[in-house]
Amino acid sequence: MNKTICGGLLPLCIFFFLFTGVSSPLPAQKMDSTVFSGMKYRMVGPLRGGRSTAVAGYPGQMHSFLMGTTGGGVWRTSDAGNSWTNITDGFFGGSMGAIAIAPSNSNVIYAGTGSADPRGNTS
């Protein structure tokens, strides 16, 4: 019985002693601070955050979209997401599960309420 325990642990012990603490740590990496100097922070969505469950784009309007959110109604952007406006405040709100723009008239928006994935704080 003692042979089995030693036989099973011996390869593990050898592995441990060979591969831990033997190698020297990697030298510290130096980063060129100018690599990211041209980058700037910008906000890309609504200030309130949240999850989007439905999206639709306006035909022929490259930068205009609608977004249906799980807990915040329908939002519109006309500048490719640089700024958003909630267009359902005062009409309806809550979880959105689907959104579409009528092909015959882009002023008509179909919005289906009831997201498939709401959380307790949106009830």
Foldseek 3Di string as FASTA:
>chain_A
DVCVVCVVCVVVVVCCVVPPPPDDDDDDDDDDPVPCVPDDDADQAEPVDAAFQEKEADPPQVQWIWTFGQAFAIWIDSHNRRYIDHPCVPPDTHGWHYKYADPVDNVDIDTHGDHPDHDPVRD
